[in-house]
Amino acid sequence: MSTEGSQVPEPRPKRKGRYVGGKRGAKKPSKLLRDMRLVISQEEVKDRGPQQVVLRTLLKDDPKGFVAQLAGLERAHAAKSVAGKAVPGAPSTGPGAAGSDEGEERALAVAERLLAEYGEGVAE
């Protein structure tokens, strides 16, 4: 048999490090924003560290204030992550905006649900 017709593929070069999700070059949210997202989306038994415990207490004591703080951090993060990419005249925050991401949309949906659920018992 002749080896002229058969081609042996070259091995792929190995990568250094491992790429894990998200957009490359995307800004990471602050630790506070990440912890707030976790606290609002997971059960209390999964809280890790003192910051998440304090945030859980804040969520129980003042859910409206917690959600307002979360929304403010989400807006600031969205503005920071789309800096330089924004189209003049286009809104830069909110679901469906040019700079919104699925984490922001999910957090805003949870925030709206919590406001509807807890907003009835919260004095304005």
PDB file of N, CA and C in Angstrom:
ATOM      1  N   MET A   1       0.832  -1.183   0.000  1.00  0.00           N
ATOM      2  CA  MET A   1       0.000   0.000   0.000  1.00  0.00           C
ATOM      3  C   MET A   1       0.871   1.238   0.000  1.00  0.00           C
ATOM      4  N   SER A   2       0.383   2.236  -0.671  1.00  0.00           N
ATOM      5  CA  SER A   2       1.115   3.490  -0.751  1.00  0.00           C
ATOM      6  C   SER A   2       0.568   4.467   0.295  1.00  0.00           C
ATOM      7  N   THR A   3       1.469   5.232   0.920  1.00  0.00           N
ATOM      8  CA  THR A   3       1.047   6.215   1.920  1.00  0.00           C
ATOM      9  C   THR A   3       0.850   7.587   1.316  1.00  0.00           C
ATOM     10  N   GLU A   4       1.013   7.689  -0.005  1.00  0.00           N
ATOM     11  CA  GLU A   4       0.852   8.984  -0.662  1.00  0.00           C
ATOM     12  C   GLU A   4      -0.567   9.510  -0.559  1.00  0.00           C
ATOM     13  N   GLY A   5      -1.555   8.677  -0.723  1.00  0.00           N
ATOM     14  CA  GLY A   5      -2.945   9.096  -0.737  1.00  0.00           C
ATOM     15  C   GLY A   5      -3.520   9.344   0.655  1.00  0.00           C
ATOM     16  N   SER A   6      -2.957   8.735   1.677  1.00  0.00           N
ATOM     17  CA  SER A   6      -3.503   8.914   3.021  1.00  0.00           C
ATOM     18  C   SER A   6      -2.847  10.116   3.694  1.00  0.00           C
ATOM     19  N   GLN A   7      -3.656  10.888   4.336  1.00  0.00           N
ATOM     20  CA  GLN A   7      -3.146  12.073   5.025  1.00  0.00           C
ATOM     21  C   GLN A   7      -3.358  11.898   6.521  1.00  0.00           C
ATOM     22  N   VAL A   8      -2.320  12.125   7.267  1.00  0.00           N
ATOM     23  CA  VAL A   8      -2.413  12.047   8.715  1.00  0.00           C
ATOM     24  C   VAL A   8      -2.549  13.476   9.234  1.00  0.00           C
ATOM     25  N   PRO A   9      -3.630  13.739   9.964  1.00  0.00           N
ATOM     26  CA  PRO A   9      -3.801  15.115  10.454  1.00  0.00           C
ATOM     27  C   PRO A   9      -2.744  15.453  11.498  1.00  0.00           C
ATOM     28  N   GLU A  10      -2.330  16.696  11.463  1.00  0.00           N
ATOM     29  CA  GLU A  10      -1.356  17.152  12.452  1.00  0.00           C
ATOM     30  C   GLU A  10      -2.053  17.328  13.790  1.00  0.00           C
ATOM     31  N   PRO A  11      -1.367  17.020  14.875  1.00  0.00           N
ATOM     32  CA  PRO A  11      -2.000  17.207  16.185  1.00  0.00           C
ATOM     33  C   PRO A  11      -2.251  18.684  16.455  1.00  0.00           C
ATOM     34  N   ARG A  12      -3.326  18.955  17.161  1.00  0.00           N
ATOM     35  CA  ARG A  12      -3.664  20.340  17.507  1.00  0.00           C
ATOM     36  C   ARG A  12      -2.704  20.845  18.579  1.00  0.00           C
ATOM     37  N   PRO A  13      -2.338  22.108  18.476  1.00  0.00           N
ATOM     38  CA  PRO A  13      -1.495  22.654  19.550  1.00  0.00           C
ATOM     39  C   PRO A  13      -2.312  22.768  20.835  1.00  0.00           C
ATOM     40  N   LYS A  14      -1.676  22.491  21.960  1.00  0.00           N
ATOM     41  CA  LYS A  14      -2.377  22.552  23.236  1.00  0.00           C
ATOM     42  C   LYS A  14      -2.463  23.992  23.708  1.00  0.00           C
ATOM     43  N   ARG A  15      -3.601  24.313  24.284  1.00  0.00           N
ATOM     44  CA  ARG A  15      -3.807  25.659  24.824  1.00  0.00           C
ATOM     45  C   ARG A  15      -3.243  25.741  26.228  1.00  0.00           C
ATOM     46  N   LYS A  16      -2.758  26.896  26.540  1.00  0.00           N
ATOM     47  CA  LYS A  16      -2.365  27.146  27.917  1.00  0.00           C
ATOM     48  C   LYS A  16      -3.546  27.806  28.596  1.00  0.00           C
ATOM     49  N   GLY A  17      -3.955  27.286  29.705  1.00  0.00           N
ATOM     50  CA  GLY A  17      -5.103  27.854  30.411  1.00  0.00           C
ATOM     51  C   GLY A  17      -6.395  27.332  29.815  1.00  0.00           C
ATOM     52  N   ARG A  18      -7.465  27.715  30.420  1.00  0.00           N
ATOM     53  CA  ARG A  18      -8.769  27.244  29.984  1.00  0.00           C
ATOM     54  C   ARG A  18      -9.734  28.422  29.915  1.00  0.00           C
ATOM     55  N   TYR A  19     -10.402  28.547  28.798  1.00  0.00           N
ATOM     56  CA  TYR A  19     -11.382  29.613  28.627  1.00  0.00           C
ATOM     57  C   TYR A  19     -12.712  29.120  29.154  1.00  0.00           C
ATOM     58  N   VAL A  20     -13.304  29.879  30.068  1.00  0.00           N
ATOM     59  CA  VAL A  20     -14.554  29.461  30.682  1.00  0.00           C
ATOM     60  C   VAL A  20     -15.608  30.531  30.462  1.00  0.00           C
ATOM     61  N   GLY A  21     -16.556  30.282  29.598  1.00  0.00           N
ATOM     62  CA  GLY A  21     -17.739  31.111  29.397  1.00  0.00           C
ATOM     63  C   GLY A  21     -17.536  32.609  29.296  1.00  0.00           C
ATOM     64  N   GLY A  22     -18.614  33.294  29.021  1.00  0.00           N
ATOM     65  CA  GLY A  22     -18.588  34.752  28.929  1.00  0.00           C
ATOM     66  C   GLY A  22     -17.912  35.239  27.656  1.00  0.00           C
ATOM     67  N   LYS A  23     -17.981  36.499  27.459  1.00  0.00           N
ATOM     68  CA  LYS A  23     -17.344  37.094  26.295  1.00  0.00           C
ATOM     69  C   LYS A  23     -15.905  37.430  26.644  1.00  0.00           C
ATOM     70  N   ARG A  24     -15.020  37.162  25.726  1.00  0.00           N
ATOM     71  CA  ARG A  24     -13.622  37.509  25.966  1.00  0.00           C
ATOM     72  C   ARG A  24     -13.490  39.019  26.040  1.00  0.00           C
ATOM     73  N   GLY A  25     -12.767  39.478  27.021  1.00  0.00           N
ATOM     74  CA  GLY A  25     -12.560  40.907  27.182  1.00  0.00           C
ATOM     75  C   GLY A  25     -13.701  41.615  27.885  1.00  0.00           C
ATOM     76  N   ALA A  26     -14.756  40.873  28.237  1.00  0.00           N
ATOM     77  CA  ALA A  26     -15.890  41.494  28.927  1.00  0.00           C
ATOM     78  C   ALA A  26     -15.478  41.847  30.349  1.00  0.00           C
ATOM     79  N   LYS A  27     -15.994  42.941  30.833  1.00  0.00           N
ATOM     80  CA  LYS A  27     -15.694  43.377  32.196  1.00  0.00           C
ATOM     81  C   LYS A  27     -16.385  42.454  33.193  1.00  0.00           C
ATOM     82  N   LYS A  28     -15.648  42.047  34.222  1.00  0.00           N
ATOM     83  CA  LYS A  28     -16.243  41.237  35.276  1.00  0.00           C
ATOM     84  C   LYS A  28     -17.016  42.150  36.209  1.00  0.00           C
ATOM     85  N   PRO A  29     -18.155  41.673  36.690  1.00  0.00           N
ATOM     86  CA  PRO A  29     -18.893  42.489  37.670  1.00  0.00           C
ATOM     87  C   PRO A  29     -18.144  42.519  38.994  1.00  0.00           C
ATOM     88  N   SER A  30     -18.423  43.517  39.792  1.00  0.00           N
ATOM     89  CA  SER A  30     -17.781  43.633  41.098  1.00  0.00           C
ATOM     90  C   SER A  30     -18.194  42.459  41.980  1.00  0.00           C
ATOM     91  N   LYS A  31     -17.408  42.204  43.008  1.00  0.00           N
ATOM     92  CA  LYS A  31     -17.716  41.110  43.934  1.00  0.00           C
ATOM     93  C   LYS A  31     -19.083  41.328  44.584  1.00  0.00           C
ATOM     94  N   LEU A  32     -19.391  42.580  44.924  1.00  0.00           N
ATOM     95  CA  LEU A  32     -20.680  42.883  45.534  1.00  0.00           C
ATOM     96  C   LEU A  32     -21.824  42.535  44.580  1.00  0.00           C
ATOM     97  N   LEU A  33     -21.703  42.924  43.313  1.00  0.00           N
ATOM     98  CA  LEU A  33     -22.751  42.625  42.332  1.00  0.00           C
ATOM     99  C   LEU A  33     -22.881  41.117  42.133  1.00  0.00           C
ATOM    100  N   ARG A  34     -21.753  40.405  42.033  1.00  0.00           N
ATOM    101  CA  ARG A  34     -21.811  38.952  41.883  1.00  0.00           C
ATOM    102  C   ARG A  34     -22.505  38.309  43.080  1.00  0.00           C
ATOM    103  N   ASP A  35     -22.163  38.753  44.294  1.00  0.00           N
ATOM    104  CA  ASP A  35     -22.781  38.186  45.488  1.00  0.00           C
ATOM    105  C   ASP A  35     -24.270  38.516  45.558  1.00  0.00           C
ATOM    106  N   MET A  36     -24.643  39.733  45.161  1.00  0.00           N
ATOM    107  CA  MET A  36     -26.069  40.098  45.169  1.00  0.00           C
ATOM    108  C   MET A  36     -26.843  39.237  44.172  1.00  0.00           C
ATOM    109  N   ARG A  37     -26.255  38.992  43.007  1.00  0.00           N
ATOM    110  CA  ARG A  37     -26.909  38.132  42.017  1.00  0.00           C
ATOM    111  C   ARG A  37     -27.080  36.715  42.574  1.00  0.00           C
ATOM    112  N   LEU A  38     -26.054  36.213  43.251  1.00  0.00           N
ATOM    113  CA  LEU A  38     -26.135  34.874  43.830  1.00  0.00           C
ATOM    114  C   LEU A  38     -27.190  34.796  44.924  1.00  0.00           C
ATOM    115  N   VAL A  39     -27.195  35.767  45.823  1.00  0.00           N
ATOM    116  CA  VAL A  39     -28.134  35.761  46.947  1.00  0.00           C
ATOM    117  C   VAL A  39     -29.570  35.797  46.445  1.00  0.00           C
ATOM    118  N   ILE A  40     -29.825  36.585  45.420  1.00  0.00           N
ATOM    119  CA  ILE A  40     -31.201  36.728  44.940  1.00  0.00           C
ATOM    120  C   ILE A  40     -31.648  35.514  44.124  1.00  0.00           C
ATOM    121  N   SER A  41     -30.691  34.727  43.607  1.00  0.00           N
ATOM    122  CA  SER A  41     -31.072  33.630  42.724  1.00  0.00           C
ATOM    123  C   SER A  41     -30.905  32.243  43.336  1.00  0.00           C
ATOM    124  N   GLN A  42     -30.372  32.139  44.548  1.00  0.00           N
ATOM    125  CA  GLN A  42     -30.161  30.817  45.127  1.00  0.00           C
ATOM    126  C   GLN A  42     -30.775  30.715  46.517  1.00  0.00           C
ATOM    127  N   GLU A  43     -30.842  29.509  47.024  1.00  0.00           N
ATOM    128  CA  GLU A  43     -31.399  29.262  48.342  1.00  0.00           C
ATOM    129  C   GLU A  43     -30.433  29.731  49.429  1.00  0.00           C
ATOM    130  N   GLU A  44     -30.978  29.991  50.597  1.00  0.00           N
ATOM    131  CA  GLU A  44     -30.184  30.499  51.709  1.00  0.00           C
ATOM    132  C   GLU A  44     -29.096  29.516  52.138  1.00  0.00           C
ATOM    133  N   VAL A  45     -29.346  28.228  52.055  1.00  0.00           N
ATOM    134  CA  VAL A  45     -28.368  27.241  52.498  1.00  0.00           C
ATOM    135  C   VAL A  45     -27.103  27.234  51.634  1.00  0.00           C
ATOM    136  N   LYS A  46     -27.176  27.813  50.446  1.00  0.00           N
ATOM    137  CA  LYS A  46     -26.023  27.858  49.551  1.00  0.00           C
ATOM    138  C   LYS A  46     -25.179  29.114  49.734  1.00  0.00           C
ATOM    139  N   ASP A  47     -25.577  30.005  50.629  1.00  0.00           N
ATOM    140  CA  ASP A  47     -24.791  31.219  50.862  1.00  0.00           C
ATOM    141  C   ASP A  47     -23.415  30.854  51.379  1.00  0.00           C
ATOM    142  N   ARG A  48     -22.394  31.531  50.844  1.00  0.00           N
ATOM    143  CA  ARG A  48     -21.019  31.281  51.261  1.00  0.00           C
ATOM    144  C   ARG A  48     -20.381  32.600  51.645  1.00  0.00           C
ATOM    145  N   GLY A  49     -19.769  32.622  52.776  1.00  0.00           N
ATOM    146  CA  GLY A  49     -19.042  33.792  53.225  1.00  0.00           C
ATOM    147  C   GLY A  49     -19.919  34.797  53.929  1.00  0.00           C
ATOM    148  N   PRO A  50     -19.281  35.663  54.696  1.00  0.00           N
ATOM    149  CA  PRO A  50     -20.042  36.633  55.489  1.00  0.00           C
ATOM    150  C   PRO A  50     -20.771  37.673  54.638  1.00  0.00           C
ATOM    151  N   GLN A  51     -20.212  38.037  53.496  1.00  0.00           N
ATOM    152  CA  GLN A  51     -20.873  39.045  52.669  1.00  0.00           C
ATOM    153  C   GLN A  51     -22.214  38.541  52.161  1.00  0.00           C
ATOM    154  N   GLN A  52     -22.288  37.297  51.738  1.00  0.00           N
ATOM    155  CA  GLN A  52     -23.560  36.758  51.262  1.00  0.00           C
ATOM    156  C   GLN A  52     -24.568  36.623  52.398  1.00  0.00           C
ATOM    157  N   VAL A  53     -24.090  36.307  53.605  1.00  0.00           N
ATOM    158  CA  VAL A  53     -24.991  36.214  54.758  1.00  0.00           C
ATOM    159  C   VAL A  53     -25.574  37.595  55.076  1.00  0.00           C
ATOM    160  N   VAL A  54     -24.738  38.629  55.043  1.00  0.00           N
ATOM    161  CA  VAL A  54     -25.204  39.991  55.307  1.00  0.00           C
ATOM    162  C   VAL A  54     -26.183  40.427  54.216  1.00  0.00           C
ATOM    163  N   LEU A  55     -25.871  40.115  52.970  1.00  0.00           N
ATOM    164  CA  LEU A  55     -26.772  40.473  51.871  1.00  0.00           C
ATOM    165  C   LEU A  55     -28.106  39.740  51.996  1.00  0.00           C
ATOM    166  N   ARG A  56     -28.084  38.498  52.445  1.00  0.00           N
ATOM    167  CA  ARG A  56     -29.321  37.743  52.644  1.00  0.00           C
ATOM    168  C   ARG A  56     -30.178  38.422  53.716  1.00  0.00           C
ATOM    169  N   THR A  57     -29.513  38.873  54.793  1.00  0.00           N
ATOM    170  CA  THR A  57     -30.228  39.574  55.863  1.00  0.00           C
ATOM    171  C   THR A  57     -30.846  40.864  55.335  1.00  0.00           C
ATOM    172  N   LEU A  58     -30.091  41.596  54.517  1.00  0.00           N
ATOM    173  CA  LEU A  58     -30.607  42.821  53.917  1.00  0.00           C
ATOM    174  C   LEU A  58     -31.806  42.519  53.025  1.00  0.00           C
ATOM    175  N   LEU A  59     -31.718  41.436  52.261  1.00  0.00           N
ATOM    176  CA  LEU A  59     -32.831  41.055  51.385  1.00  0.00           C
ATOM    177  C   LEU A  59     -34.082  40.753  52.201  1.00  0.00           C
ATOM    178  N   LYS A  60     -33.912  40.082  53.340  1.00  0.00           N
ATOM    179  CA  LYS A  60     -35.068  39.754  54.185  1.00  0.00           C
ATOM    180  C   LYS A  60     -35.628  40.997  54.868  1.00  0.00           C
ATOM    181  N   ASP A  61     -34.734  41.871  55.385  1.00  0.00           N
ATOM    182  CA  ASP A  61     -35.175  43.044  56.141  1.00  0.00           C
ATOM    183  C   ASP A  61     -35.727  44.156  55.256  1.00  0.00           C
ATOM    184  N   ASP A  62     -35.074  44.395  54.122  1.00  0.00           N
ATOM    185  CA  ASP A  62     -35.451  45.512  53.249  1.00  0.00           C
ATOM    186  C   ASP A  62     -35.352  45.075  51.786  1.00  0.00           C
ATOM    187  N   PRO A  63     -36.283  44.251  51.317  1.00  0.00           N
ATOM    188  CA  PRO A  63     -36.185  43.747  49.949  1.00  0.00           C
ATOM    189  C   PRO A  63     -36.229  44.848  48.893  1.00  0.00           C
ATOM    190  N   LYS A  64     -37.013  45.883  49.156  1.00  0.00           N
ATOM    191  CA  LYS A  64     -37.112  46.974  48.181  1.00  0.00           C
ATOM    192  C   LYS A  64     -35.774  47.712  48.060  1.00  0.00           C
ATOM    193  N   GLY A  65     -35.140  47.970  49.187  1.00  0.00           N
ATOM    194  CA  GLY A  65     -33.828  48.618  49.181  1.00  0.00           C
ATOM    195  C   GLY A  65     -32.770  47.738  48.532  1.00  0.00           C
ATOM    196  N   PHE A  66     -32.841  46.425  48.792  1.00  0.00           N
ATOM    197  CA  PHE A  66     -31.897  45.479  48.188  1.00  0.00           C
ATOM    198  C   PHE A  66     -32.020  45.504  46.672  1.00  0.00           C
ATOM    199  N   VAL A  67     -33.239  45.434  46.188  1.00  0.00           N
ATOM    200  CA  VAL A  67     -33.470  45.407  44.743  1.00  0.00           C
ATOM    201  C   VAL A  67     -33.059  46.738  44.108  1.00  0.00           C
ATOM    202  N   ALA A  68     -33.299  47.845  44.809  1.00  0.00           N
ATOM    203  CA  ALA A  68     -32.883  49.149  44.286  1.00  0.00           C
ATOM    204  C   ALA A  68     -31.360  49.218  44.174  1.00  0.00           C
ATOM    205  N   GLN A  69     -30.668  48.715  45.192  1.00  0.00           N
ATOM    206  CA  GLN A  69     -29.199  48.699  45.160  1.00  0.00           C
ATOM    207  C   GLN A  69     -28.705  47.792  44.033  1.00  0.00           C
ATOM    208  N   LEU A  70     -29.340  46.622  43.875  1.00  0.00           N
ATOM    209  CA  LEU A  70     -28.966  45.694  42.813  1.00  0.00           C
ATOM    210  C   LEU A  70     -29.162  46.336  41.439  1.00  0.00           C
ATOM    211  N   ALA A  71     -30.287  47.003  41.255  1.00  0.00           N
ATOM    212  CA  ALA A  71     -30.553  47.659  39.966  1.00  0.00           C
ATOM    213  C   ALA A  71     -29.523  48.747  39.678  1.00  0.00           C
ATOM    214  N   GLY A  72     -29.143  49.509  40.712  1.00  0.00           N
ATOM    215  CA  GLY A  72     -28.127  50.540  40.524  1.00  0.00           C
ATOM    216  C   GLY A  72     -26.776  49.949  40.134  1.00  0.00           C
ATOM    217  N   LEU A  73     -26.393  48.863  40.788  1.00  0.00           N
ATOM    218  CA  LEU A  73     -25.129  48.200  40.445  1.00  0.00           C
ATOM    219  C   LEU A  73     -25.177  47.599  39.045  1.00  0.00           C
ATOM    220  N   GLU A  74     -26.332  47.045  38.672  1.00  0.00           N
ATOM    221  CA  GLU A  74     -26.473  46.493  37.314  1.00  0.00           C
ATOM    222  C   GLU A  74     -26.326  47.593  36.267  1.00  0.00           C
ATOM    223  N   ARG A  75     -26.954  48.754  36.515  1.00  0.00           N
ATOM    224  CA  ARG A  75     -26.830  49.880  35.580  1.00  0.00           C
ATOM    225  C   ARG A  75     -25.394  50.344  35.465  1.00  0.00           C
ATOM    226  N   ALA A  76     -24.717  50.462  36.600  1.00  0.00           N
ATOM    227  CA  ALA A  76     -23.323  50.912  36.592  1.00  0.00           C
ATOM    228  C   ALA A  76     -22.434  49.907  35.857  1.00  0.00           C
ATOM    229  N   HIS A  77     -22.675  48.630  36.084  1.00  0.00           N
ATOM    230  CA  HIS A  77     -21.884  47.598  35.405  1.00  0.00           C
ATOM    231  C   HIS A  77     -22.144  47.614  33.896  1.00  0.00           C
ATOM    232  N   ALA A  78     -23.412  47.774  33.515  1.00  0.00           N
ATOM    233  CA  ALA A  78     -23.741  47.821  32.089  1.00  0.00           C
ATOM    234  C   ALA A  78     -23.088  49.025  31.420  1.00  0.00           C
ATOM    235  N   ALA A  79     -23.108  50.168  32.102  1.00  0.00           N
ATOM    236  CA  ALA A  79     -22.497  51.374  31.541  1.00  0.00           C
ATOM    237  C   ALA A  79     -20.985  51.201  31.415  1.00  0.00           C
ATOM    238  N   LYS A  80     -20.394  50.539  32.389  1.00  0.00           N
ATOM    239  CA  LYS A  80     -18.948  50.328  32.366  1.00  0.00           C
ATOM    240  C   LYS A  80     -18.552  49.331  31.280  1.00  0.00           C
ATOM    241  N   SER A  81     -19.362  48.294  31.088  1.00  0.00           N
ATOM    242  CA  SER A  81     -18.995  47.261  30.130  1.00  0.00           C
ATOM    243  C   SER A  81     -19.253  47.666  28.682  1.00  0.00           C
ATOM    244  N   VAL A  82     -20.118  48.645  28.452  1.00  0.00           N
ATOM    245  CA  VAL A  82     -20.369  49.080  27.080  1.00  0.00           C
ATOM    246  C   VAL A  82     -19.698  50.418  26.775  1.00  0.00           C
ATOM    247  N   ALA A  83     -18.862  50.896  27.680  1.00  0.00           N
ATOM    248  CA  ALA A  83     -18.168  52.167  27.445  1.00  0.00           C
ATOM    249  C   ALA A  83     -17.343  52.061  26.169  1.00  0.00           C
ATOM    250  N   GLY A  84     -17.524  53.009  25.296  1.00  0.00           N
ATOM    251  CA  GLY A  84     -16.801  53.001  24.039  1.00  0.00           C
ATOM    252  C   GLY A  84     -17.528  52.239  22.938  1.00  0.00           C
ATOM    253  N   LYS A  85     -18.535  51.432  23.291  1.00  0.00           N
ATOM    254  CA  LYS A  85     -19.277  50.655  22.305  1.00  0.00           C
ATOM    255  C   LYS A  85     -20.672  51.221  22.066  1.00  0.00           C
ATOM    256  N   ALA A  86     -21.067  52.191  22.871  1.00  0.00           N
ATOM    257  CA  ALA A  86     -22.434  52.711  22.796  1.00  0.00           C
ATOM    258  C   ALA A  86     -22.646  53.493  21.507  1.00  0.00           C
ATOM    259  N   VAL A  87     -23.838  53.355  20.982  1.00  0.00           N
ATOM    260  CA  VAL A  87     -24.235  54.096  19.797  1.00  0.00           C
ATOM    261  C   VAL A  87     -24.865  55.404  20.266  1.00  0.00           C
ATOM    262  N   PRO A  88     -24.429  56.556  19.739  1.00  0.00           N
ATOM    263  CA  PRO A  88     -25.010  57.821  20.186  1.00  0.00           C
ATOM    264  C   PRO A  88     -26.515  57.847  19.974  1.00  0.00           C
ATOM    265  N   GLY A  89     -27.227  58.280  20.998  1.00  0.00           N
ATOM    266  CA  GLY A  89     -28.676  58.386  20.919  1.00  0.00           C
ATOM    267  C   GLY A  89     -29.421  57.122  21.303  1.00  0.00           C
ATOM    268  N   ALA A  90     -28.696  55.996  21.445  1.00  0.00           N
ATOM    269  CA  ALA A  90     -29.355  54.742  21.818  1.00  0.00           C
ATOM    270  C   ALA A  90     -29.317  54.573  23.323  1.00  0.00           C
ATOM    271  N   PRO A  91     -30.369  54.021  23.911  1.00  0.00           N
ATOM    272  CA  PRO A  91     -30.332  53.775  25.362  1.00  0.00           C
ATOM    273  C   PRO A  91     -29.265  52.734  25.672  1.00  0.00           C
ATOM    274  N   SER A  92     -28.535  52.941  26.777  1.00  0.00           N
ATOM    275  CA  SER A  92     -27.425  52.040  27.072  1.00  0.00           C
ATOM    276  C   SER A  92     -27.745  51.030  28.156  1.00  0.00           C
ATOM    277  N   THR A  93     -28.917  51.106  28.772  1.00  0.00           N
ATOM    278  CA  THR A  93     -29.252  50.142  29.813  1.00  0.00           C
ATOM    279  C   THR A  93     -30.652  49.615  29.606  1.00  0.00           C
ATOM    280  N   GLY A  94     -30.979  48.591  30.367  1.00  0.00           N
ATOM    281  CA  GLY A  94     -32.304  47.991  30.307  1.00  0.00           C
ATOM    282  C   GLY A  94     -32.316  46.762  29.438  1.00  0.00           C
ATOM    283  N   PRO A  95     -33.292  45.892  29.630  1.00  0.00           N
ATOM    284  CA  PRO A  95     -33.384  44.672  28.827  1.00  0.00           C
ATOM    285  C   PRO A  95     -33.536  44.990  27.349  1.00  0.00           C
ATOM    286  N   GLY A  96     -32.803  44.281  26.523  1.00  0.00           N
ATOM    287  CA  GLY A  96     -32.890  44.473  25.082  1.00  0.00           C
ATOM    288  C   GLY A  96     -32.053  45.628  24.564  1.00  0.00           C
ATOM    289  N   ALA A  97     -31.376  46.362  25.430  1.00  0.00           N
ATOM    290  CA  ALA A  97     -30.544  47.473  24.996  1.00  0.00           C
ATOM    291  C   ALA A  97     -29.267  46.926  24.377  1.00  0.00           C
ATOM    292  N   ALA A  98     -28.543  47.786  23.686  1.00  0.00           N
ATOM    293  CA  ALA A  98     -27.331  47.374  22.998  1.00  0.00           C
ATOM    294  C   ALA A  98     -26.300  46.787  23.944  1.00  0.00           C
ATOM    295  N   GLY A  99     -26.237  47.273  25.179  1.00  0.00           N
ATOM    296  CA  GLY A  99     -25.219  46.813  26.108  1.00  0.00           C
ATOM    297  C   GLY A  99     -25.715  45.823  27.140  1.00  0.00           C
ATOM    298  N   SER A 100     -26.963  45.378  27.051  1.00  0.00           N
ATOM    299  CA  SER A 100     -27.464  44.481  28.084  1.00  0.00           C
ATOM    300  C   SER A 100     -26.970  43.061  27.831  1.00  0.00           C
ATOM    301  N   ASP A 101     -26.828  42.295  28.892  1.00  0.00           N
ATOM    302  CA  ASP A 101     -26.430  40.917  28.764  1.00  0.00           C
ATOM    303  C   ASP A 101     -27.471  40.039  29.439  1.00  0.00           C
ATOM    304  N   GLU A 102     -27.351  38.738  29.263  1.00  0.00           N
ATOM    305  CA  GLU A 102     -28.379  37.857  29.805  1.00  0.00           C
ATOM    306  C   GLU A 102     -28.387  37.859  31.335  1.00  0.00           C
ATOM    307  N   GLY A 103     -27.246  38.098  31.976  1.00  0.00           N
ATOM    308  CA  GLY A 103     -27.198  38.189  33.437  1.00  0.00           C
ATOM    309  C   GLY A 103     -27.984  39.380  33.948  1.00  0.00           C
ATOM    310  N   GLU A 104     -27.835  40.493  33.249  1.00  0.00           N
ATOM    311  CA  GLU A 104     -28.568  41.698  33.640  1.00  0.00           C
ATOM    312  C   GLU A 104     -30.063  41.488  33.461  1.00  0.00           C
ATOM    313  N   GLU A 105     -30.445  40.917  32.335  1.00  0.00           N
ATOM    314  CA  GLU A 105     -31.862  40.686  32.066  1.00  0.00           C
ATOM    315  C   GLU A 105     -32.459  39.732  33.098  1.00  0.00           C
ATOM    316  N   ARG A 106     -31.707  38.694  33.456  1.00  0.00           N
ATOM    317  CA  ARG A 106     -32.181  37.731  34.446  1.00  0.00           C
ATOM    318  C   ARG A 106     -32.320  38.397  35.808  1.00  0.00           C
ATOM    319  N   ALA A 107     -31.330  39.212  36.186  1.00  0.00           N
ATOM    320  CA  ALA A 107     -31.373  39.897  37.482  1.00  0.00           C
ATOM    321  C   ALA A 107     -32.530  40.890  37.542  1.00  0.00           C
ATOM    322  N   LEU A 108     -32.773  41.614  36.456  1.00  0.00           N
ATOM    323  CA  LEU A 108     -33.885  42.558  36.439  1.00  0.00           C
ATOM    324  C   LEU A 108     -35.231  41.836  36.514  1.00  0.00           C
ATOM    325  N   ALA A 109     -35.335  40.674  35.864  1.00  0.00           N
ATOM    326  CA  ALA A 109     -36.574  39.897  35.937  1.00  0.00           C
ATOM    327  C   ALA A 109     -36.824  39.412  37.363  1.00  0.00           C
ATOM    328  N   VAL A 110     -35.754  38.953  38.018  1.00  0.00           N
ATOM    329  CA  VAL A 110     -35.885  38.511  39.405  1.00  0.00           C
ATOM    330  C   VAL A 110     -36.238  39.697  40.300  1.00  0.00           C
ATOM    331  N   ALA A 111     -35.623  40.846  40.041  1.00  0.00           N
ATOM    332  CA  ALA A 111     -35.901  42.046  40.837  1.00  0.00           C
ATOM    333  C   ALA A 111     -37.362  42.455  40.709  1.00  0.00           C
ATOM    334  N   GLU A 112     -37.884  42.421  39.502  1.00  0.00           N
ATOM    335  CA  GLU A 112     -39.293  42.778  39.298  1.00  0.00           C
ATOM    336  C   GLU A 112     -40.214  41.787  40.005  1.00  0.00           C
ATOM    337  N   ARG A 113     -39.864  40.502  39.946  1.00  0.00           N
ATOM    338  CA  ARG A 113     -40.674  39.480  40.614  1.00  0.00           C
ATOM    339  C   ARG A 113     -40.663  39.700  42.127  1.00  0.00           C
ATOM    340  N   LEU A 114     -39.479  39.999  42.688  1.00  0.00           N
ATOM    341  CA  LEU A 114     -39.381  40.225  44.127  1.00  0.00           C
ATOM    342  C   LEU A 114     -40.116  41.484  44.556  1.00  0.00           C
ATOM    343  N   LEU A 115     -40.053  42.521  43.742  1.00  0.00           N
ATOM    344  CA  LEU A 115     -40.799  43.739  44.077  1.00  0.00           C
ATOM    345  C   LEU A 115     -42.297  43.465  44.092  1.00  0.00           C
ATOM    346  N   ALA A 116     -42.747  42.676  43.135  1.00  0.00           N
ATOM    347  CA  ALA A 116     -44.174  42.342  43.096  1.00  0.00           C
ATOM    348  C   ALA A 116     -44.557  41.476  44.297  1.00  0.00           C
ATOM    349  N   GLU A 117     -43.659  40.560  44.660  1.00  0.00           N
ATOM    350  CA  GLU A 117     -43.947  39.636  45.759  1.00  0.00           C
ATOM    351  C   GLU A 117     -43.849  40.312  47.125  1.00  0.00           C
ATOM    352  N   TYR A 118     -42.767  41.059  47.359  1.00  0.00           N
ATOM    353  CA  TYR A 118     -42.526  41.662  48.668  1.00  0.00           C
ATOM    354  C   TYR A 118     -43.004  43.100  48.754  1.00  0.00           C
ATOM    355  N   GLY A 119     -43.266  43.714  47.632  1.00  0.00           N
ATOM    356  CA  GLY A 119     -43.638  45.129  47.610  1.00  0.00           C
ATOM    357  C   GLY A 119     -44.928  45.423  48.343  1.00  0.00           C
ATOM    358  N   GLU A 120     -45.805  44.434  48.434  1.00  0.00           N
ATOM    359  CA  GLU A 120     -47.086  44.648  49.110  1.00  0.00           C
ATOM    360  C   GLU A 120     -46.903  44.898  50.598  1.00  0.00           C
ATOM    361  N   GLY A 121     -45.942  44.229  51.233  1.00  0.00           N
ATOM    362  CA  GLY A 121     -45.746  44.357  52.669  1.00  0.00           C
ATOM    363  C   GLY A 121     -44.755  45.446  53.052  1.00  0.00           C
ATOM    364  N   VAL A 122     -44.152  46.109  52.089  1.00  0.00           N
ATOM    365  CA  VAL A 122     -43.141  47.121  52.365  1.00  0.00           C
ATOM    366  C   VAL A 122     -43.799  48.500  52.388  1.00  0.00           C
ATOM    367  N   ALA A 123     -43.574  49.236  53.460  1.00  0.00           N
ATOM    368  CA  ALA A 123     -44.134  50.594  53.567  1.00  0.00           C
ATOM    369  C   ALA A 123     -43.325  51.533  52.691  1.00  0.00           C
ATOM    370  N   GLU A 124     -43.998  52.413  52.011  1.00  0.00           N
ATOM    371  CA  GLU A 124     -43.289  53.335  51.113  1.00  0.00           C
ATOM    372  C   GLU A 124     -43.061  54.669  51.775  1.00  0.00           C
TER     373      GLU A 124
END
